[in-house]
Amino acid sequence: MEFPLETEALVVMAPGAPFTLTPVVIDELRPDEVLVEMKYSGLCHTDLLVHKGALPILELPAIPGHEGAGIIRAIGSEVRDRSLSVGDYVLLSFTVCGKCAPCSEKRLTKCVAHTRLNFQSTRQSDGSTSARLRDGTPVRSQFFGQSSFARVSAVQEHCVVRCPYPDELALYSPMGCGFQTGAGTVLNILKPKEYHSIVIFGIGSVGCAALMAAAHLQLKQIVAVDIVDRKLNIARQLGATHTLNSSGVESVAEELRRITNGGPNFAVDSTGVPRVIEQMVGGLGFGGTAASIGAPPVGSKIQMDVASFFYANKNFLSIIEGDSYPPTFIPELIDLHRQGRFPIDKICKVYPIKDIDVAVAEMKAGEVIKPVLEWT
């Protein structure tokens, strides 16, 4: 492909403005970038935060999308993974600086520049953007290093993971964020045993991934909590032993203690809602661990009784991207799926890119768990 390269993308021009298919221009491919022709992209609640203008670090106009999957069309001269080739089918995950101590130790989610690089959506070397509008206006175009709501995108090399099963590219596109976040929290950090109990708040794609990971480990009790009965029905299909519709429940914490005979060993919140996080921590059993993996609103606060938290020997963690190392963890999740132990096909639905508004509406209504957008 020759540069400048004109393509099209779903651009958010201003807070609350519609996702609009807009011509954009990529002027060049940097030496540390890979040009990817997108075929699919998962739709995540974080993309909707971009749409709302709820990420202060991200200036608009911007191209969201951070669960991309596509075909490599060009490779920068300094890309370090020499195994990559033009024509490879790839999945895209988050980006990192690749230089700090955590990166050198393959603890990528601890990268000291993680927030800036993934949410500011600019090149790490000079703060420039990889795309612009026809009139020259810069567009934030490396959201999570990829901005996969574009037909073609200049992607940071650290995002790229080869996909061994091109025929399943649509199904595996959400691996790069939502699925690895939920599953990684359970498999990489909490590591519960069969005799443990776990409660999962929020049965969206992240919560479902955590639930499927817990079911894979065959935990004694897996409790799914949501306010939408349709989602709770899906949770039972995925392996939940108990479900709880928390709307109208006077004390969620007390109800969970009743179900789990004293409180769960582990709890995971994927909603980011402060009140739900408080309920999660309050309902923990003695020595229990709570993990917050859903992004709460900027400036929000939670309250807890510090004394009861302390004397009950509870633990509270914040976890990003499941503390995963995508080059190895994403293939592990794919293997689990192919063994029938991570049934993501039960929660994904593919929509043409032009139907993004339909996908958003159905996701918000709980009619679909994980929408996947297709570039046709």
Protein backbone atom coordinates (compact mmCIF):
# COMPACT_ATOMS: atom_id res chain seq x y z
CA MET A 1 0.00 0.00 0.00
CA GLU A 2 1.24 3.48 -0.85
CA PHE A 3 1.14 6.54 1.39
CA PRO A 4 -0.60 8.84 1.95
CA LEU A 5 -3.33 6.23 2.26
CA GLU A 6 -6.99 7.20 2.37
CA THR A 7 -9.35 4.91 4.24
CA GLU A 8 -12.46 5.30 6.38
CA ALA A 9 -13.16 5.05 10.09
CA LEU A 10 -15.86 5.47 12.70
CA VAL A 11 -14.83 8.86 14.03
CA VAL A 12 -16.24 10.48 17.18
CA MET A 13 -16.08 14.20 16.42
CA ALA A 14 -17.41 15.55 19.76
CA PRO A 15 -18.81 14.18 23.05
CA GLY A 16 -22.10 12.45 22.35
CA ALA A 17 -21.84 12.88 18.59
CA PRO A 18 -22.78 9.81 16.57
CA PHE A 19 -20.26 7.27 15.34
CA THR A 20 -19.76 8.54 11.80
CA LEU A 21 -18.08 6.72 8.90
CA THR A 22 -15.59 9.35 7.82
CA PRO A 23 -12.73 9.47 5.29
CA VAL A 24 -9.35 9.64 7.03
CA VAL A 25 -5.80 9.79 5.73
CA ILE A 26 -2.76 7.87 7.01
CA ASP A 27 0.30 9.85 5.94
CA GLU A 28 3.00 7.32 6.77
CA LEU A 29 3.85 4.10 8.58
CA ARG A 30 6.44 4.53 11.31
CA PRO A 31 9.27 1.95 11.64
CA ASP A 32 7.72 0.50 14.83
CA GLU A 33 4.20 0.17 13.38
CA VAL A 34 2.27 -2.48 11.49
CA LEU A 35 -0.39 -1.58 8.94
CA VAL A 36 -3.48 -3.72 9.55
CA GLU A 37 -6.55 -4.05 7.36
CA MET A 38 -9.29 -4.59 9.93
CA LYS A 39 -11.83 -7.32 9.38
CA TYR A 40 -13.51 -7.28 12.80
CA SER A 41 -13.53 -5.39 16.07
CA GLY A 42 -15.24 -6.18 19.32
CA LEU A 43 -17.43 -3.42 20.76
CA CYS A 44 -16.61 -2.67 24.40
CA HIS A 45 -18.12 -0.35 27.01
CA THR A 46 -14.81 1.54 27.01
CA ASP A 47 -15.50 2.50 23.39
CA LEU A 48 -18.78 3.98 24.57
CA LEU A 49 -16.85 6.09 27.10
CA VAL A 50 -14.97 7.58 24.15
CA HIS A 51 -18.32 8.29 22.49
CA LYS A 52 -19.53 10.08 25.64
CA GLY A 53 -16.31 12.08 25.98
CA ALA A 54 -15.84 10.52 29.42
CA LEU A 55 -12.08 9.96 29.11
CA PRO A 56 -10.45 13.30 29.98
CA ILE A 57 -7.03 12.20 28.68
CA LEU A 58 -8.44 11.57 25.20
CA GLU A 59 -9.05 14.58 22.97
CA LEU A 60 -11.58 14.43 20.16
CA PRO A 61 -11.92 13.79 17.26
CA ALA A 62 -10.85 10.22 17.84
CA ILE A 63 -11.25 6.73 16.44
CA PRO A 64 -12.23 4.19 19.14
CA GLY A 65 -11.89 0.43 18.92
CA HIS A 66 -9.48 -1.75 20.86
CA GLU A 67 -10.43 -5.36 20.11
CA GLY A 68 -9.31 -5.48 16.50
CA ALA A 69 -8.63 -8.42 14.21
CA GLY A 70 -7.38 -8.28 10.65
CA ILE A 71 -4.63 -8.86 8.09
CA ILE A 72 -1.15 -7.35 8.06
CA ARG A 73 -0.64 -5.25 4.92
CA ALA A 74 2.74 -3.66 5.72
CA ILE A 75 5.42 -3.94 8.40
CA GLY A 76 7.68 -1.16 9.67
CA SER A 77 11.43 -1.62 9.23
CA GLU A 78 12.15 -1.74 12.98
CA VAL A 79 9.35 -4.05 14.14
CA ARG A 80 11.07 -6.47 16.48
CA ASP A 81 8.92 -9.55 15.93
CA ARG A 82 10.63 -10.93 12.84
CA SER A 83 8.16 -13.81 12.63
CA LEU A 84 5.42 -11.46 11.40
CA SER A 85 4.74 -11.40 7.67
CA VAL A 86 2.53 -9.44 5.32
CA GLY A 87 -0.68 -11.43 4.93
CA ASP A 88 -0.70 -12.77 8.49
CA TYR A 89 -4.03 -12.84 10.31
CA VAL A 90 -3.65 -11.09 13.66
CA LEU A 91 -5.52 -10.18 16.83
CA LEU A 92 -4.82 -6.86 18.52
CA SER A 93 -4.45 -6.13 22.21
CA PHE A 94 -3.23 -3.17 24.31
CA THR A 95 0.08 -1.38 23.79
CA VAL A 96 3.05 -0.67 26.06
CA CYS A 97 6.29 1.29 25.97
CA GLY A 98 8.44 -1.85 25.78
CA LYS A 99 11.27 -0.11 27.63
CA CYS A 100 10.43 0.18 31.34
CA ALA A 101 11.31 -2.40 33.99
CA PRO A 102 7.86 -4.08 34.06
CA CYS A 103 7.88 -4.39 30.26
CA SER A 104 11.33 -6.00 30.35
CA GLU A 105 9.93 -8.51 32.85
CA LYS A 106 6.89 -9.21 30.61
CA ARG A 107 4.55 -7.64 33.19
CA LEU A 108 2.98 -5.57 30.44
CA THR A 109 -0.09 -4.42 32.34
CA LYS A 110 2.26 -2.71 34.82
CA CYS A 111 3.92 -0.62 32.10
CA VAL A 112 4.60 2.82 33.61
CA ALA A 113 3.16 4.49 30.49
CA HIS A 114 0.11 2.21 30.20
CA THR A 115 -2.58 4.84 30.79
CA ARG A 116 -1.00 7.48 28.56
CA LEU A 117 -0.23 5.17 25.65
CA ASN A 118 -3.58 3.38 25.59
CA PHE A 119 -5.98 6.20 26.36
CA GLN A 120 -4.25 9.26 24.91
CA SER A 121 -4.24 7.55 21.51
CA THR A 122 -1.08 9.13 20.14
CA ARG A 123 2.32 7.83 19.14
CA GLN A 124 4.59 7.36 22.12
CA SER A 125 7.67 8.85 20.42
CA ASP A 126 6.38 12.37 19.74
CA GLY A 127 2.66 12.58 20.61
CA SER A 128 1.61 12.77 16.96
CA THR A 129 -1.42 11.06 15.46
CA SER A 130 -1.25 8.43 12.76
CA ALA A 131 -4.33 9.72 10.92
CA ARG A 132 -5.97 12.99 9.94
CA LEU A 133 -9.15 14.22 8.31
CA ARG A 134 -9.05 15.36 4.69
CA ASP A 135 -8.79 18.99 5.84
CA GLY A 136 -5.67 18.18 7.86
CA THR A 137 -7.30 17.99 11.31
CA PRO A 138 -5.40 15.43 13.44
CA VAL A 139 -7.47 12.47 14.65
CA ARG A 140 -6.54 10.52 17.76
CA SER A 141 -5.96 7.25 15.97
CA GLN A 142 -4.04 4.82 18.16
CA PHE A 143 -6.60 4.05 20.86
CA PHE A 144 -5.01 1.17 22.79
CA GLY A 145 -2.33 1.39 20.10
CA GLN A 146 -4.75 0.31 17.36
CA SER A 147 -8.01 2.31 16.87
CA SER A 148 -9.66 -0.70 15.29
CA PHE A 149 -12.85 1.14 14.29
CA ALA A 150 -10.98 1.93 11.07
CA ARG A 151 -10.86 -0.05 7.85
CA VAL A 152 -7.06 0.30 7.85
CA SER A 153 -4.97 1.40 10.82
CA ALA A 154 -1.33 2.04 11.71
CA VAL A 155 -0.92 -0.18 14.77
CA GLN A 156 1.78 -0.18 17.43
CA GLU A 157 3.88 -3.33 17.13
CA HIS A 158 3.27 -4.35 20.77
CA CYS A 159 -0.45 -4.86 20.07
CA VAL A 160 -0.04 -7.65 17.54
CA VAL A 161 -0.70 -11.35 18.28
CA ARG A 162 -0.86 -13.81 15.40
CA CYS A 163 -4.19 -15.66 15.07
CA PRO A 164 -3.67 -19.37 14.28
CA TYR A 165 -7.27 -19.86 13.16
CA PRO A 166 -8.21 -17.25 10.51
CA ASP A 167 -11.63 -18.85 10.02
CA GLU A 168 -12.49 -17.84 13.61
CA LEU A 169 -11.17 -14.28 13.36
CA ALA A 170 -14.54 -12.71 14.25
CA LEU A 171 -15.01 -14.88 17.33
CA TYR A 172 -11.49 -14.30 18.62
CA SER A 173 -11.34 -10.53 18.04
CA PRO A 174 -12.53 -9.68 21.61
CA MET A 175 -9.68 -11.71 23.12
CA GLY A 176 -7.44 -8.64 23.08
CA CYS A 177 -9.31 -6.85 25.88
CA GLY A 178 -12.63 -7.99 27.32
CA PHE A 179 -12.12 -11.73 27.32
CA GLN A 180 -8.55 -11.68 28.58
CA THR A 181 -9.48 -9.14 31.27
CA GLY A 182 -12.18 -11.32 32.81
CA ALA A 183 -10.49 -14.67 32.34
CA GLY A 184 -7.06 -13.39 33.30
CA THR A 185 -8.36 -11.99 36.58
CA VAL A 186 -9.47 -15.47 37.59
CA LEU A 187 -6.71 -17.56 36.02
CA ASN A 188 -3.69 -15.27 36.46
CA ILE A 189 -4.37 -13.43 39.73
CA LEU A 190 -7.06 -14.98 41.93
CA LYS A 191 -6.26 -18.61 41.07
CA PRO A 192 -9.09 -20.13 43.13
CA LYS A 193 -9.25 -23.82 44.00
CA GLU A 194 -12.16 -26.20 43.34
CA TYR A 195 -13.42 -25.85 46.90
CA HIS A 196 -13.65 -22.04 46.70
CA SER A 197 -16.64 -19.80 45.96
CA ILE A 198 -16.66 -16.76 43.70
CA VAL A 199 -19.20 -14.00 43.02
CA ILE A 200 -19.14 -12.11 39.73
CA PHE A 201 -20.90 -8.75 39.49
CA GLY A 202 -21.96 -7.66 36.01
CA ILE A 203 -22.65 -10.24 33.31
CA GLY A 204 -21.29 -8.38 30.33
CA SER A 205 -18.46 -9.74 28.21
CA VAL A 206 -15.82 -9.21 30.92
CA GLY A 207 -17.98 -10.77 33.63
CA CYS A 208 -18.88 -13.68 31.35
CA ALA A 209 -15.20 -14.32 30.66
CA ALA A 210 -14.50 -14.41 34.40
CA LEU A 211 -17.45 -16.76 34.87
CA MET A 212 -16.29 -19.09 32.10
CA ALA A 213 -12.81 -19.20 33.63
CA ALA A 214 -14.31 -20.08 37.01
CA ALA A 215 -16.43 -22.79 35.39
CA HIS A 216 -13.32 -24.14 33.66
CA LEU A 217 -11.73 -24.48 37.11
CA GLN A 218 -14.89 -26.23 38.36
CA LEU A 219 -15.31 -24.06 41.45
CA LYS A 220 -17.74 -25.19 44.14
CA GLN A 221 -19.91 -22.08 43.88
CA ILE A 222 -20.12 -19.53 41.08
CA VAL A 223 -22.63 -16.77 41.80
CA ALA A 224 -23.60 -14.36 39.00
CA VAL A 225 -25.09 -10.98 39.97
CA ASP A 226 -26.84 -8.61 37.57
CA ILE A 227 -30.04 -6.61 37.23
CA VAL A 228 -31.08 -8.12 33.87
CA ASP A 229 -32.72 -11.55 34.00
CA ARG A 230 -31.76 -12.27 30.39
CA LYS A 231 -28.09 -12.00 31.34
CA LEU A 232 -28.57 -14.20 34.39
CA ASN A 233 -30.09 -16.89 32.15
CA ILE A 234 -26.95 -16.75 30.02
CA ALA A 235 -24.82 -16.96 33.17
CA ARG A 236 -26.50 -20.25 34.08
CA GLN A 237 -25.76 -21.60 30.60
CA LEU A 238 -22.10 -20.67 31.07
CA GLY A 239 -21.74 -22.48 34.38
CA ALA A 240 -23.09 -20.28 37.19
CA THR A 241 -24.31 -22.40 40.09
CA HIS A 242 -26.37 -19.53 41.52
CA THR A 243 -27.73 -16.25 40.16
CA LEU A 244 -28.96 -13.12 41.89
CA ASN A 245 -30.95 -10.24 40.45
CA SER A 246 -29.75 -7.47 42.77
CA SER A 247 -32.50 -5.01 41.87
CA GLY A 248 -34.89 -4.79 44.78
CA VAL A 249 -32.65 -6.78 47.14
CA GLU A 250 -32.44 -4.92 50.44
CA SER A 251 -28.88 -6.05 51.24
CA VAL A 252 -26.88 -7.68 48.47
CA ALA A 253 -24.01 -8.36 50.88
CA GLU A 254 -26.27 -10.23 53.29
CA GLU A 255 -27.86 -12.23 50.49
CA LEU A 256 -24.44 -13.28 49.22
CA ARG A 257 -23.37 -14.31 52.70
CA ARG A 258 -26.51 -16.45 52.90
CA ILE A 259 -25.93 -18.09 49.51
CA THR A 260 -22.25 -18.81 50.19
CA ASN A 261 -22.62 -19.71 53.86
CA GLY A 262 -20.67 -16.76 55.28
CA GLY A 263 -19.43 -14.89 52.25
CA PRO A 264 -17.46 -15.85 49.13
CA ASN A 265 -13.75 -16.49 49.00
CA PHE A 266 -13.45 -14.31 45.91
CA ALA A 267 -15.51 -11.61 44.21
CA VAL A 268 -15.07 -9.79 40.91
CA ASP A 269 -16.73 -6.54 39.83
CA SER A 270 -16.87 -5.79 36.11
CA THR A 271 -19.38 -2.93 36.33
CA GLY A 272 -17.22 -0.12 37.71
CA VAL A 273 -20.25 1.15 39.63
CA PRO A 274 -19.07 2.46 43.04
CA ARG A 275 -22.13 1.18 44.91
CA VAL A 276 -21.63 -2.29 43.44
CA ILE A 277 -17.97 -2.26 44.45
CA GLU A 278 -19.02 -1.43 48.00
CA GLN A 279 -21.49 -4.33 47.98
CA MET A 280 -18.77 -6.63 46.67
CA VAL A 281 -16.31 -5.74 49.42
CA GLY A 282 -18.98 -5.80 52.11
CA GLY A 283 -20.18 -9.26 51.17
CA LEU A 284 -16.76 -10.95 51.21
CA GLY A 285 -16.14 -13.81 53.60
CA PHE A 286 -13.28 -13.86 56.12
CA GLY A 287 -9.95 -13.60 54.31
CA GLY A 288 -11.73 -13.03 51.02
CA THR A 289 -10.35 -11.16 48.03
CA ALA A 290 -12.28 -8.67 45.90
CA ALA A 291 -11.08 -7.63 42.45
CA SER A 292 -12.21 -4.47 40.69
CA ILE A 293 -11.81 -4.85 36.91
CA GLY A 294 -14.50 -2.52 35.52
CA ALA A 295 -13.49 1.08 34.90
CA PRO A 296 -15.24 3.36 37.44
CA PRO A 297 -16.11 6.96 36.51
CA VAL A 298 -13.25 9.43 36.93
CA GLY A 299 -13.45 11.06 40.36
CA SER A 300 -15.75 8.45 41.87
CA LYS A 301 -15.20 7.20 45.41
CA ILE A 302 -16.20 4.16 47.43
CA GLN A 303 -16.82 3.88 51.16
CA MET A 304 -16.08 0.96 53.44
CA ASP A 305 -15.93 0.22 57.13
CA VAL A 306 -12.15 0.06 57.50
CA ALA A 307 -12.31 -1.75 60.84
CA SER A 308 -14.52 -4.57 59.57
CA PHE A 309 -12.37 -4.79 56.43
CA PHE A 310 -9.23 -5.05 58.55
CA TYR A 311 -10.47 -7.49 61.17
CA ALA A 312 -12.03 -9.74 58.55
CA ASN A 313 -8.61 -9.90 56.83
CA LYS A 314 -10.11 -8.90 53.48
CA ASN A 315 -8.17 -7.96 50.34
CA PHE A 316 -9.04 -5.51 47.58
CA LEU A 317 -7.30 -5.48 44.20
CA SER A 318 -7.52 -3.39 41.07
CA ILE A 319 -6.62 -5.40 37.98
CA ILE A 320 -5.98 -4.19 34.44
CA GLU A 321 -6.33 -6.49 31.41
CA GLY A 322 -6.31 -9.57 33.63
CA ASP A 323 -2.59 -9.04 34.33
CA SER A 324 -2.04 -10.99 31.13
CA TYR A 325 0.85 -11.31 28.73
CA PRO A 326 -1.13 -11.33 25.46
CA PRO A 327 1.39 -13.17 23.22
CA THR A 328 0.97 -16.29 25.36
CA PHE A 329 -2.31 -15.79 27.22
CA ILE A 330 -4.50 -15.12 24.16
CA PRO A 331 -3.40 -18.40 22.52
CA GLU A 332 -4.12 -20.18 25.82
CA LEU A 333 -7.68 -18.84 25.81
CA ILE A 334 -8.10 -19.85 22.17
CA ASP A 335 -7.00 -23.38 23.09
CA LEU A 336 -9.53 -23.46 25.93
CA HIS A 337 -12.27 -22.42 23.52
CA ARG A 338 -11.34 -25.12 21.04
CA GLN A 339 -11.49 -27.65 23.89
CA GLY A 340 -15.04 -26.49 24.67
CA ARG A 341 -13.98 -25.00 28.01
CA PHE A 342 -14.33 -21.29 27.13
CA PRO A 343 -17.60 -21.09 25.12
CA ILE A 344 -17.39 -17.52 23.85
CA ASP A 345 -19.46 -18.47 20.79
CA LYS A 346 -22.52 -18.39 23.09
CA ILE A 347 -22.20 -14.66 23.75
CA CYS A 348 -20.90 -13.13 20.47
CA LYS A 349 -22.95 -11.66 17.64
CA VAL A 350 -21.56 -10.11 14.44
CA TYR A 351 -22.95 -6.86 13.00
CA PRO A 352 -22.00 -5.01 9.79
CA ILE A 353 -20.04 -1.87 10.65
CA LYS A 354 -22.90 0.29 9.35
CA ASP A 355 -25.15 -1.18 12.07
CA ILE A 356 -23.05 0.03 14.99
CA ASP A 357 -25.99 1.94 16.46
CA VAL A 358 -28.03 -1.27 16.48
CA ALA A 359 -25.15 -3.13 18.14
CA VAL A 360 -24.82 -0.45 20.82
CA ALA A 361 -28.57 -0.46 21.52
CA GLU A 362 -28.77 -4.24 21.79
CA MET A 363 -25.72 -4.38 24.05
CA LYS A 364 -27.18 -1.74 26.37
CA ALA A 365 -30.50 -3.60 26.47
CA GLY A 366 -28.79 -6.86 27.38
CA GLU A 367 -29.99 -8.52 24.18
CA VAL A 368 -26.41 -9.39 23.22
CA ILE A 369 -23.36 -9.72 25.43
CA LYS A 370 -20.49 -9.10 22.99
CA PRO A 371 -21.17 -7.35 19.68
CA VAL A 372 -18.50 -7.78 17.03
CA LEU A 373 -18.37 -5.27 14.18
CA GLU A 374 -17.48 -6.53 10.69
CA TRP A 375 -15.83 -4.46 7.96
CA THR A 376 -17.46 -5.60 4.73
